[in-house]
PDB file of all heavy atoms in Angstrom:
ATOM      1  N   TYR A   1      14.054   9.496 -56.595  1.00  0.00           N
ATOM      2  CA  TYR A   1      12.897   9.993 -55.905  1.00  0.00           C
ATOM      3  C   TYR A   1      11.993   8.917 -55.174  1.00  0.00           C
ATOM      4  O   TYR A   1      11.474   9.034 -54.190  1.00  0.00           O
ATOM      5  CB  TYR A   1      11.957  10.809 -56.878  1.00  0.00           C
ATOM      6  CG  TYR A   1      12.384  12.266 -57.081  1.00  0.00           C
ATOM      7  CD1 TYR A   1      13.220  12.606 -58.107  1.00  0.00           C
ATOM      8  CD2 TYR A   1      11.915  13.223 -56.154  1.00  0.00           C
ATOM      9  CE1 TYR A   1      13.529  13.968 -58.353  1.00  0.00           C
ATOM     10  CE2 TYR A   1      12.308  14.510 -56.278  1.00  0.00           C
ATOM     11  CZ  TYR A   1      13.072  14.999 -57.437  1.00  0.00           C
ATOM     12  OH  TYR A   1      13.441  16.289 -57.544  1.00  0.00           O
ATOM     13  N   GLY A   2      11.845   7.793 -55.965  1.00  0.00           N
ATOM     14  CA  GLY A   2      11.171   6.610 -55.454  1.00  0.00           C
ATOM     15  C   GLY A   2      11.668   6.052 -54.267  1.00  0.00           C
ATOM     16  O   GLY A   2      11.016   5.306 -53.440  1.00  0.00           O
ATOM     17  N   ALA A   3      13.096   6.176 -54.012  1.00  0.00           N
ATOM     18  CA  ALA A   3      13.616   5.642 -52.719  1.00  0.00           C
ATOM     19  C   ALA A   3      13.098   6.185 -51.529  1.00  0.00           C
ATOM     20  O   ALA A   3      13.109   5.544 -50.533  1.00  0.00           O
ATOM     21  CB  ALA A   3      15.232   5.773 -52.877  1.00  0.00           C
ATOM     22  N   ARG A   4      12.815   7.474 -51.655  1.00  0.00           N
ATOM     23  CA  ARG A   4      12.230   8.134 -50.336  1.00  0.00           C
ATOM     24  C   ARG A   4      11.032   7.405 -49.911  1.00  0.00           C
ATOM     25  O   ARG A   4      10.691   7.116 -48.754  1.00  0.00           O
ATOM     26  CB  ARG A   4      11.958   9.507 -50.647  1.00  0.00           C
ATOM     27  CG  ARG A   4      11.342  10.380 -49.594  1.00  0.00           C
ATOM     28  CD  ARG A   4      11.119  11.746 -49.955  1.00  0.00           C
ATOM     29  NE  ARG A   4      12.470  12.503 -49.899  1.00  0.00           N
ATOM     30  CZ  ARG A   4      12.659  13.767 -50.399  1.00  0.00           C
ATOM     31  NH1 ARG A   4      11.667  14.461 -50.779  1.00  0.00           N
ATOM     32  NH2 ARG A   4      13.769  14.297 -50.332  1.00  0.00           N
ATOM     33  N   ILE A   5      10.095   6.994 -50.873  1.00  0.00           N
ATOM     34  CA  ILE A   5       8.769   6.411 -50.392  1.00  0.00           C
ATOM     35  C   ILE A   5       9.008   4.921 -50.086  1.00  0.00           C
ATOM     36  O   ILE A   5       8.592   4.401 -48.992  1.00  0.00           O
ATOM     37  CB  ILE A   5       7.812   6.568 -51.512  1.00  0.00           C
ATOM     38  CG1 ILE A   5       7.525   7.978 -51.764  1.00  0.00           C
ATOM     39  CG2 ILE A   5       6.497   5.744 -51.172  1.00  0.00           C
ATOM     40  CD1 ILE A   5       6.855   8.733 -50.635  1.00  0.00           C
ATOM     41  N   SER A   6       9.655   4.275 -50.902  1.00  0.00           N
ATOM     42  CA  SER A   6       9.902   2.742 -50.634  1.00  0.00           C
ATOM     43  C   SER A   6      10.709   2.476 -49.485  1.00  0.00           C
ATOM     44  O   SER A   6      10.383   1.532 -48.680  1.00  0.00           O
ATOM     45  CB  SER A   6      10.582   2.172 -51.867  1.00  0.00           C
ATOM     46  OG  SER A   6       9.839   2.237 -53.069  1.00  0.00           O
ATOM     47  N   LEU A   7      11.693   3.277 -49.066  1.00  0.00           N
ATOM     48  CA  LEU A   7      12.471   2.990 -47.902  1.00  0.00           C
ATOM     49  C   LEU A   7      11.814   3.521 -46.550  1.00  0.00           C
ATOM     50  O   LEU A   7      11.785   2.853 -45.497  1.00  0.00           O
ATOM     51  CB  LEU A   7      13.858   3.768 -47.936  1.00  0.00           C
ATOM     52  CG  LEU A   7      14.841   3.225 -49.130  1.00  0.00           C
ATOM     53  CD1 LEU A   7      16.121   4.017 -49.093  1.00  0.00           C
ATOM     54  CD2 LEU A   7      15.059   1.689 -48.961  1.00  0.00           C
ATOM     55  N   THR A   8      11.044   4.650 -46.615  1.00  0.00           N
ATOM     56  CA  THR A   8      10.430   5.119 -45.372  1.00  0.00           C
ATOM     57  C   THR A   8       9.148   4.313 -45.076  1.00  0.00           C
ATOM     58  O   THR A   8       8.745   4.169 -43.919  1.00  0.00           O
ATOM     59  CB  THR A   8      10.054   6.566 -45.610  1.00  0.00           C
ATOM     60  OG1 THR A   8       9.279   6.772 -46.751  1.00  0.00           O
ATOM     61  CG2 THR A   8      11.277   7.473 -45.695  1.00  0.00           C
ATOM     62  N   ILE A   9       8.482   3.727 -46.155  1.00  0.00           N
ATOM     63  CA  ILE A   9       7.322   2.997 -45.860  1.00  0.00           C
ATOM     64  C   ILE A   9       7.627   1.625 -45.005  1.00  0.00           C
ATOM     65  O   ILE A   9       6.867   1.222 -44.236  1.00  0.00           O
ATOM     66  CB  ILE A   9       6.567   2.636 -47.047  1.00  0.00           C
ATOM     67  CG1 ILE A   9       5.080   2.392 -46.765  1.00  0.00           C
ATOM     68  CG2 ILE A   9       7.081   1.483 -47.885  1.00  0.00           C
ATOM     69  CD1 ILE A   9       4.240   2.279 -48.038  1.00  0.00           C
ATOM     70  N   GLY A  10       8.834   1.166 -45.281  1.00  0.00           N
ATOM     71  CA  GLY A  10       9.307   0.016 -44.555  1.00  0.00           C
ATOM     72  C   GLY A  10       9.550   0.375 -42.980  1.00  0.00           C
ATOM     73  O   GLY A  10       9.196  -0.377 -42.092  1.00  0.00           O
ATOM     74  N   LEU A  11      10.146   1.476 -42.808  1.00  0.00           N
ATOM     75  CA  LEU A  11      10.472   1.935 -41.463  1.00  0.00           C
ATOM     76  C   LEU A  11       9.174   2.226 -40.649  1.00  0.00           C
ATOM     77  O   LEU A  11       9.036   1.872 -39.508  1.00  0.00           O
ATOM     78  CB  LEU A  11      11.321   3.153 -41.418  1.00  0.00           C
ATOM     79  CG  LEU A  11      12.847   2.940 -41.810  1.00  0.00           C
ATOM     80  CD1 LEU A  11      13.645   4.306 -41.920  1.00  0.00           C
ATOM     81  CD2 LEU A  11      13.539   1.962 -41.109  1.00  0.00           C
ATOM     82  N   LEU A  12       8.203   2.904 -41.279  1.00  0.00           N
ATOM     83  CA  LEU A  12       7.096   3.285 -40.632  1.00  0.00           C
ATOM     84  C   LEU A  12       6.094   2.029 -40.268  1.00  0.00           C
ATOM     85  O   LEU A  12       5.560   1.768 -39.284  1.00  0.00           O
ATOM     86  CB  LEU A  12       6.138   4.275 -41.471  1.00  0.00           C
ATOM     87  CG  LEU A  12       6.767   5.635 -41.698  1.00  0.00           C
ATOM     88  CD1 LEU A  12       5.991   6.494 -42.495  1.00  0.00           C
ATOM     89  CD2 LEU A  12       6.943   6.302 -40.219  1.00  0.00           C
ATOM     90  N   GLY A  13       6.180   1.044 -41.298  1.00  0.00           N
ATOM     91  CA  GLY A  13       5.425  -0.263 -41.047  1.00  0.00           C
ATOM     92  C   GLY A  13       5.978  -1.078 -40.050  1.00  0.00           C
ATOM     93  O   GLY A  13       5.218  -1.531 -39.032  1.00  0.00           O
ATOM     94  N   VAL A  14       7.421  -1.034 -40.006  1.00  0.00           N
ATOM     95  CA  VAL A  14       8.017  -1.834 -38.820  1.00  0.00           C
ATOM     96  C   VAL A  14       7.854  -1.127 -37.509  1.00  0.00           C
ATOM     97  O   VAL A  14       7.541  -1.756 -36.502  1.00  0.00           O
ATOM     98  CB  VAL A  14       9.473  -1.935 -39.130  1.00  0.00           C
ATOM     99  CG1 VAL A  14      10.275  -2.432 -37.912  1.00  0.00           C
ATOM    100  CG2 VAL A  14       9.629  -3.030 -40.369  1.00  0.00           C
ATOM    101  N   ALA A  15       7.767   0.168 -37.475  1.00  0.00           N
ATOM    102  CA  ALA A  15       7.533   0.847 -36.218  1.00  0.00           C
ATOM    103  C   ALA A  15       6.152   0.581 -35.696  1.00  0.00           C
ATOM    104  O   ALA A  15       5.977   0.343 -34.512  1.00  0.00           O
ATOM    105  CB  ALA A  15       7.721   2.409 -36.458  1.00  0.00           C
ATOM    106  N   MET A  16       5.239   0.466 -36.571  1.00  0.00           N
ATOM    107  CA  MET A  16       3.796   0.244 -36.135  1.00  0.00           C
ATOM    108  C   MET A  16       3.773  -1.280 -35.630  1.00  0.00           C
ATOM    109  O   MET A  16       3.115  -1.657 -34.584  1.00  0.00           O
ATOM    110  CB  MET A  16       2.774   0.442 -37.279  1.00  0.00           C
ATOM    111  CG  MET A  16       1.384   0.161 -36.963  1.00  0.00           C
ATOM    112  SD  MET A  16       0.280   0.519 -38.154  1.00  0.00           S
ATOM    113  CE  MET A  16       0.450   2.338 -38.297  1.00  0.00           C
ATOM    114  N   SER A  17       4.249  -2.105 -36.410  1.00  0.00           N
ATOM    115  CA  SER A  17       4.215  -3.642 -35.978  1.00  0.00           C
ATOM    116  C   SER A  17       5.044  -3.843 -34.762  1.00  0.00           C
ATOM    117  O   SER A  17       4.684  -4.649 -33.863  1.00  0.00           O
ATOM    118  CB  SER A  17       4.743  -4.464 -37.103  1.00  0.00           C
ATOM    119  OG  SER A  17       6.056  -4.271 -37.348  1.00  0.00           O
ATOM    120  N   PHE A  18       6.117  -3.081 -34.554  1.00  0.00           N
ATOM    121  CA  PHE A  18       6.964  -3.094 -33.362  1.00  0.00           C
ATOM    122  C   PHE A  18       6.164  -2.708 -32.047  1.00  0.00           C
ATOM    123  O   PHE A  18       6.267  -3.499 -31.105  1.00  0.00           O
ATOM    124  CB  PHE A  18       8.250  -2.263 -33.513  1.00  0.00           C
ATOM    125  CG  PHE A  18       9.281  -2.533 -32.680  1.00  0.00           C
ATOM    126  CD1 PHE A  18      10.094  -3.728 -32.972  1.00  0.00           C
ATOM    127  CD2 PHE A  18       9.729  -1.765 -31.556  1.00  0.00           C
ATOM    128  CE1 PHE A  18      11.159  -4.085 -32.098  1.00  0.00           C
ATOM    129  CE2 PHE A  18      10.755  -2.070 -30.821  1.00  0.00           C
ATOM    130  CZ  PHE A  18      11.459  -3.196 -31.046  1.00  0.00           C
ATOM    131  N   VAL A  19       5.392  -1.638 -32.184  1.00  0.00           N
ATOM    132  CA  VAL A  19       4.661  -1.226 -31.028  1.00  0.00           C
ATOM    133  C   VAL A  19       3.518  -2.148 -30.745  1.00  0.00           C
ATOM    134  O   VAL A  19       3.310  -2.581 -29.541  1.00  0.00           O
ATOM    135  CB  VAL A  19       4.103   0.154 -31.411  1.00  0.00           C
ATOM    136  CG1 VAL A  19       3.074   0.657 -30.218  1.00  0.00           C
ATOM    137  CG2 VAL A  19       5.152   1.132 -31.432  1.00  0.00           C
ATOM    138  N   LEU A  20       2.787  -2.550 -31.727  1.00  0.00           N
ATOM    139  CA  LEU A  20       1.739  -3.648 -31.520  1.00  0.00           C
ATOM    140  C   LEU A  20       2.218  -4.848 -30.967  1.00  0.00           C
ATOM    141  O   LEU A  20       1.715  -5.415 -30.023  1.00  0.00           O
ATOM    142  CB  LEU A  20       0.977  -3.864 -32.885  1.00  0.00           C
ATOM    143  CG  LEU A  20       0.131  -2.584 -33.392  1.00  0.00           C
ATOM    144  CD1 LEU A  20      -0.466  -3.089 -34.735  1.00  0.00           C
ATOM    145  CD2 LEU A  20      -0.983  -2.374 -32.468  1.00  0.00           C
ATOM    146  N   GLY A  21       3.398  -5.421 -31.581  1.00  0.00           N
ATOM    147  CA  GLY A  21       3.916  -6.641 -31.091  1.00  0.00           C
ATOM    148  C   GLY A  21       4.403  -6.671 -29.709  1.00  0.00           C
ATOM    149  O   GLY A  21       4.110  -7.597 -28.982  1.00  0.00           O
ATOM    150  N   ILE A  22       5.051  -5.565 -29.374  1.00  0.00           N
ATOM    151  CA  ILE A  22       5.459  -5.501 -27.839  1.00  0.00           C
ATOM    152  C   ILE A  22       4.304  -5.252 -26.921  1.00  0.00           C
ATOM    153  O   ILE A  22       4.409  -5.987 -25.886  1.00  0.00           O
ATOM    154  CB  ILE A  22       6.411  -4.256 -27.783  1.00  0.00           C
ATOM    155  CG1 ILE A  22       7.759  -4.626 -28.491  1.00  0.00           C
ATOM    156  CG2 ILE A  22       6.836  -4.013 -26.340  1.00  0.00           C
ATOM    157  CD1 ILE A  22       8.913  -3.558 -28.467  1.00  0.00           C
ATOM    158  N   VAL A  23       3.422  -4.436 -27.236  1.00  0.00           N
ATOM    159  CA  VAL A  23       2.347  -4.088 -26.374  1.00  0.00           C
ATOM    160  C   VAL A  23       1.293  -5.400 -26.122  1.00  0.00           C
ATOM    161  O   VAL A  23       1.128  -5.893 -25.040  1.00  0.00           O
ATOM    162  CB  VAL A  23       1.457  -2.963 -26.774  1.00  0.00           C
ATOM    163  CG1 VAL A  23       0.278  -2.801 -25.884  1.00  0.00           C
ATOM    164  CG2 VAL A  23       2.349  -1.710 -26.738  1.00  0.00           C
ATOM    165  N   ILE A  24       0.954  -5.944 -27.287  1.00  0.00           N
ATOM    166  CA  ILE A  24       0.015  -7.098 -27.231  1.00  0.00           C
ATOM    167  C   ILE A  24       0.735  -8.325 -26.718  1.00  0.00           C
ATOM    168  O   ILE A  24       0.194  -9.101 -25.859  1.00  0.00           O
ATOM    169  CB  ILE A  24      -0.633  -7.314 -28.560  1.00  0.00           C
ATOM    170  CG1 ILE A  24      -1.441  -6.066 -28.949  1.00  0.00           C
ATOM    171  CG2 ILE A  24      -1.616  -8.495 -28.513  1.00  0.00           C
ATOM    172  CD1 ILE A  24      -2.074  -6.112 -30.433  1.00  0.00           C
ATOM    173  N   GLY A  25       1.876  -8.539 -27.281  1.00  0.00           N
ATOM    174  CA  GLY A  25       2.641  -9.794 -26.833  1.00  0.00           C
ATOM    175  C   GLY A  25       3.158  -9.638 -25.432  1.00  0.00           C
ATOM    176  O   GLY A  25       3.119 -10.700 -24.676  1.00  0.00           O
ATOM    177  N   GLY A  26       3.520  -8.388 -24.990  1.00  0.00           N
ATOM    178  CA  GLY A  26       3.913  -8.272 -23.510  1.00  0.00           C
ATOM    179  C   GLY A  26       2.811  -8.411 -22.569  1.00  0.00           C
ATOM    180  O   GLY A  26       2.919  -9.154 -21.651  1.00  0.00           O
ATOM    181  N   LEU A  27       1.632  -7.921 -22.805  1.00  0.00           N
ATOM    182  CA  LEU A  27       0.505  -8.146 -22.043  1.00  0.00           C
ATOM    183  C   LEU A  27       0.059  -9.589 -21.924  1.00  0.00           C
ATOM    184  O   LEU A  27      -0.283 -10.155 -20.912  1.00  0.00           O
ATOM    185  CB  LEU A  27      -0.688  -7.288 -22.446  1.00  0.00           C
ATOM    186  CG  LEU A  27      -0.471  -5.686 -22.212  1.00  0.00           C
ATOM    187  CD1 LEU A  27      -1.554  -4.933 -22.792  1.00  0.00           C
ATOM    188  CD2 LEU A  27      -0.251  -5.400 -20.699  1.00  0.00           C
ATOM    189  N   ALA A  28       0.036 -10.242 -23.202  1.00  0.00           N
ATOM    190  CA  ALA A  28      -0.317 -11.550 -23.221  1.00  0.00           C
ATOM    191  C   ALA A  28       0.627 -12.541 -22.333  1.00  0.00           C
ATOM    192  O   ALA A  28       0.223 -13.519 -21.625  1.00  0.00           O
ATOM    193  CB  ALA A  28      -0.320 -12.109 -24.621  1.00  0.00           C
ATOM    194  N   GLY A  29       1.936 -12.213 -22.467  1.00  0.00           N
ATOM    195  CA  GLY A  29       2.946 -13.084 -21.768  1.00  0.00           C
ATOM    196  C   GLY A  29       2.881 -12.845 -20.306  1.00  0.00           C
ATOM    197  O   GLY A  29       3.207 -13.660 -19.571  1.00  0.00           O
ATOM    198  N   TYR A  30       2.789 -11.586 -19.867  1.00  0.00           N
ATOM    199  CA  TYR A  30       2.785 -11.218 -18.454  1.00  0.00           C
ATOM    200  C   TYR A  30       1.476 -11.508 -17.796  1.00  0.00           C
ATOM    201  O   TYR A  30       1.624 -12.033 -16.651  1.00  0.00           O
ATOM    202  CB  TYR A  30       3.192  -9.754 -18.402  1.00  0.00           C
ATOM    203  CG  TYR A  30       3.354  -9.263 -16.945  1.00  0.00           C
ATOM    204  CD1 TYR A  30       4.436  -9.609 -16.227  1.00  0.00           C
ATOM    205  CD2 TYR A  30       2.376  -8.543 -16.312  1.00  0.00           C
ATOM    206  CE1 TYR A  30       4.646  -9.156 -14.859  1.00  0.00           C
ATOM    207  CE2 TYR A  30       2.565  -8.110 -14.959  1.00  0.00           C
ATOM    208  CZ  TYR A  30       3.700  -8.426 -14.271  1.00  0.00           C
ATOM    209  OH  TYR A  30       3.842  -8.065 -13.019  1.00  0.00           O
ATOM    210  N   ARG A  31       0.390 -11.165 -18.381  1.00  0.00           N
ATOM    211  CA  ARG A  31      -0.969 -11.349 -17.768  1.00  0.00           C
ATOM    212  C   ARG A  31      -1.312 -12.865 -17.881  1.00  0.00           C
ATOM    213  O   ARG A  31      -1.763 -13.419 -16.868  1.00  0.00           O
ATOM    214  CB  ARG A  31      -2.001 -10.509 -18.275  1.00  0.00           C
ATOM    215  CG  ARG A  31      -1.827  -9.048 -17.991  1.00  0.00           C
ATOM    216  CD  ARG A  31      -2.184  -8.867 -16.475  1.00  0.00           C
ATOM    217  NE  ARG A  31      -2.176  -7.426 -16.128  1.00  0.00           N
ATOM    218  CZ  ARG A  31      -2.381  -7.010 -14.931  1.00  0.00           C
ATOM    219  NH1 ARG A  31      -2.627  -7.854 -13.889  1.00  0.00           N
ATOM    220  NH2 ARG A  31      -2.462  -5.736 -14.685  1.00  0.00           N
ATOM    221  N   GLY A  32      -1.194 -13.451 -19.039  1.00  0.00           N
ATOM    222  CA  GLY A  32      -1.676 -14.836 -19.258  1.00  0.00           C
ATOM    223  C   GLY A  32      -3.283 -14.832 -19.160  1.00  0.00           C
ATOM    224  O   GLY A  32      -3.945 -13.876 -19.343  1.00  0.00           O
ATOM    225  N   GLY A  33      -3.700 -16.011 -18.885  1.00  0.00           N
ATOM    226  CA  GLY A  33      -5.158 -16.214 -18.613  1.00  0.00           C
ATOM    227  C   GLY A  33      -6.036 -16.077 -19.894  1.00  0.00           C
ATOM    228  O   GLY A  33      -5.571 -16.471 -21.021  1.00  0.00           O
ATOM    229  N   THR A  34      -7.193 -15.554 -19.695  1.00  0.00           N
ATOM    230  CA  THR A  34      -8.131 -15.313 -20.895  1.00  0.00           C
ATOM    231  C   THR A  34      -7.593 -14.509 -21.943  1.00  0.00           C
ATOM    232  O   THR A  34      -7.749 -14.775 -23.155  1.00  0.00           O
ATOM    233  CB  THR A  34      -9.413 -14.926 -20.373  1.00  0.00           C
ATOM    234  OG1 THR A  34      -9.981 -15.701 -19.244  1.00  0.00           O
ATOM    235  CG2 THR A  34     -10.436 -14.808 -21.448  1.00  0.00           C
ATOM    236  N   PHE A  35      -6.936 -13.323 -21.497  1.00  0.00           N
ATOM    237  CA  PHE A  35      -6.359 -12.359 -22.533  1.00  0.00           C
ATOM    238  C   PHE A  35      -5.284 -13.190 -23.448  1.00  0.00           C
ATOM    239  O   PHE A  35      -5.273 -12.916 -24.540  1.00  0.00           O
ATOM    240  CB  PHE A  35      -5.791 -11.186 -21.790  1.00  0.00           C
ATOM    241  CG  PHE A  35      -5.207 -10.220 -22.692  1.00  0.00           C
ATOM    242  CD1 PHE A  35      -6.104  -9.339 -23.399  1.00  0.00           C
ATOM    243  CD2 PHE A  35      -3.857  -9.974 -22.947  1.00  0.00           C
ATOM    244  CE1 PHE A  35      -5.593  -8.424 -24.288  1.00  0.00           C
ATOM    245  CE2 PHE A  35      -3.300  -9.119 -23.847  1.00  0.00           C
ATOM    246  CZ  PHE A  35      -4.174  -8.332 -24.500  1.00  0.00           C
ATOM    247  N   ASP A  36      -4.517 -13.879 -22.853  1.00  0.00           N
ATOM    248  CA  ASP A  36      -3.548 -14.677 -23.555  1.00  0.00           C
ATOM    249  C   ASP A  36      -4.114 -15.597 -24.543  1.00  0.00           C
ATOM    250  O   ASP A  36      -3.749 -15.727 -25.705  1.00  0.00           O
ATOM    251  CB  ASP A  36      -2.597 -15.419 -22.555  1.00  0.00           C
ATOM    252  CG  ASP A  36      -1.413 -16.071 -23.344  1.00  0.00           C
ATOM    253  OD1 ASP A  36      -1.082 -15.676 -24.438  1.00  0.00           O
ATOM    254  OD2 ASP A  36      -0.938 -17.126 -22.799  1.00  0.00           O
ATOM    255  N   LEU A  37      -5.179 -16.229 -24.133  1.00  0.00           N
ATOM    256  CA  LEU A  37      -6.013 -17.235 -25.041  1.00  0.00           C
ATOM    257  C   LEU A  37      -6.452 -16.499 -26.122  1.00  0.00           C
ATOM    258  O   LEU A  37      -6.389 -16.949 -27.331  1.00  0.00           O
ATOM    259  CB  LEU A  37      -7.008 -17.984 -24.225  1.00  0.00           C
ATOM    260  CG  LEU A  37      -6.431 -18.999 -23.253  1.00  0.00           C
ATOM    261  CD1 LEU A  37      -7.637 -19.561 -22.474  1.00  0.00           C
ATOM    262  CD2 LEU A  37      -5.670 -20.078 -23.793  1.00  0.00           C
ATOM    263  N   ILE A  38      -7.166 -15.436 -26.058  1.00  0.00           N
ATOM    264  CA  ILE A  38      -7.736 -14.627 -27.020  1.00  0.00           C
ATOM    265  C   ILE A  38      -6.691 -14.121 -28.070  1.00  0.00           C
ATOM    266  O   ILE A  38      -6.862 -14.212 -29.272  1.00  0.00           O
ATOM    267  CB  ILE A  38      -8.575 -13.430 -26.448  1.00  0.00           C
ATOM    268  CG1 ILE A  38      -9.784 -13.943 -25.610  1.00  0.00           C
ATOM    269  CG2 ILE A  38      -9.058 -12.499 -27.615  1.00  0.00           C
ATOM    270  CD1 ILE A  38     -10.569 -12.831 -24.896  1.00  0.00           C
ATOM    271  N   VAL A  39      -5.581 -13.608 -27.385  1.00  0.00           N
ATOM    272  CA  VAL A  39      -4.516 -13.091 -28.354  1.00  0.00           C
ATOM    273  C   VAL A  39      -3.990 -14.261 -29.292  1.00  0.00           C
ATOM    274  O   VAL A  39      -3.700 -13.987 -30.486  1.00  0.00           O
ATOM    275  CB  VAL A  39      -3.388 -12.408 -27.608  1.00  0.00           C
ATOM    276  CG1 VAL A  39      -2.117 -12.108 -28.437  1.00  0.00           C
ATOM    277  CG2 VAL A  39      -3.946 -11.144 -26.941  1.00  0.00           C
ATOM    278  N   GLN A  40      -3.698 -15.421 -28.619  1.00  0.00           N
ATOM    279  CA  GLN A  40      -3.180 -16.405 -29.381  1.00  0.00           C
ATOM    280  C   GLN A  40      -4.142 -16.866 -30.495  1.00  0.00           C
ATOM    281  O   GLN A  40      -3.653 -17.279 -31.623  1.00  0.00           O
ATOM    282  CB  GLN A  40      -2.843 -17.684 -28.424  1.00  0.00           C
ATOM    283  CG  GLN A  40      -1.646 -17.335 -27.564  1.00  0.00           C
ATOM    284  CD  GLN A  40      -0.426 -16.973 -28.203  1.00  0.00           C
ATOM    285  OE1 GLN A  40       0.068 -17.675 -29.100  1.00  0.00           O
ATOM    286  NE2 GLN A  40       0.033 -15.794 -27.985  1.00  0.00           N
ATOM    287  N   ARG A  41      -5.412 -16.914 -30.270  1.00  0.00           N
ATOM    288  CA  ARG A  41      -6.301 -17.365 -31.216  1.00  0.00           C
ATOM    289  C   ARG A  41      -6.238 -16.307 -32.377  1.00  0.00           C
ATOM    290  O   ARG A  41      -6.485 -16.686 -33.636  1.00  0.00           O
ATOM    291  CB  ARG A  41      -7.717 -17.524 -30.688  1.00  0.00           C
ATOM    292  CG  ARG A  41      -7.841 -18.603 -29.524  1.00  0.00           C
ATOM    293  CD  ARG A  41      -7.575 -20.052 -29.970  1.00  0.00           C
ATOM    294  NE  ARG A  41      -6.208 -20.297 -29.999  1.00  0.00           N
ATOM    295  CZ  ARG A  41      -5.448 -20.523 -28.925  1.00  0.00           C
ATOM    296  NH1 ARG A  41      -5.963 -20.548 -27.802  1.00  0.00           N
ATOM    297  NH2 ARG A  41      -4.159 -20.942 -29.045  1.00  0.00           N
ATOM    298  N   ILE A  42      -6.258 -14.939 -32.131  1.00  0.00           N
ATOM    299  CA  ILE A  42      -6.309 -14.041 -33.107  1.00  0.00           C
ATOM    300  C   ILE A  42      -4.940 -14.157 -33.990  1.00  0.00           C
ATOM    301  O   ILE A  42      -4.964 -14.035 -35.162  1.00  0.00           O
ATOM    302  CB  ILE A  42      -6.290 -12.641 -32.490  1.00  0.00           C
ATOM    303  CG1 ILE A  42      -7.697 -12.411 -31.764  1.00  0.00           C
ATOM    304  CG2 ILE A  42      -6.120 -11.550 -33.524  1.00  0.00           C
ATOM    305  CD1 ILE A  42      -7.820 -11.163 -31.114  1.00  0.00           C
TER     306      ILE A  42
END
């Protein structure tokens, strides 16, 4: 029973970090400038 929680929490967490990493990293790399500097400091 515990496998259901432990395995799915990894998938959901990676899905969230995947979306955040692609969106924020993509905008920072494509736009550059001030937004890139702010993202890098964060």
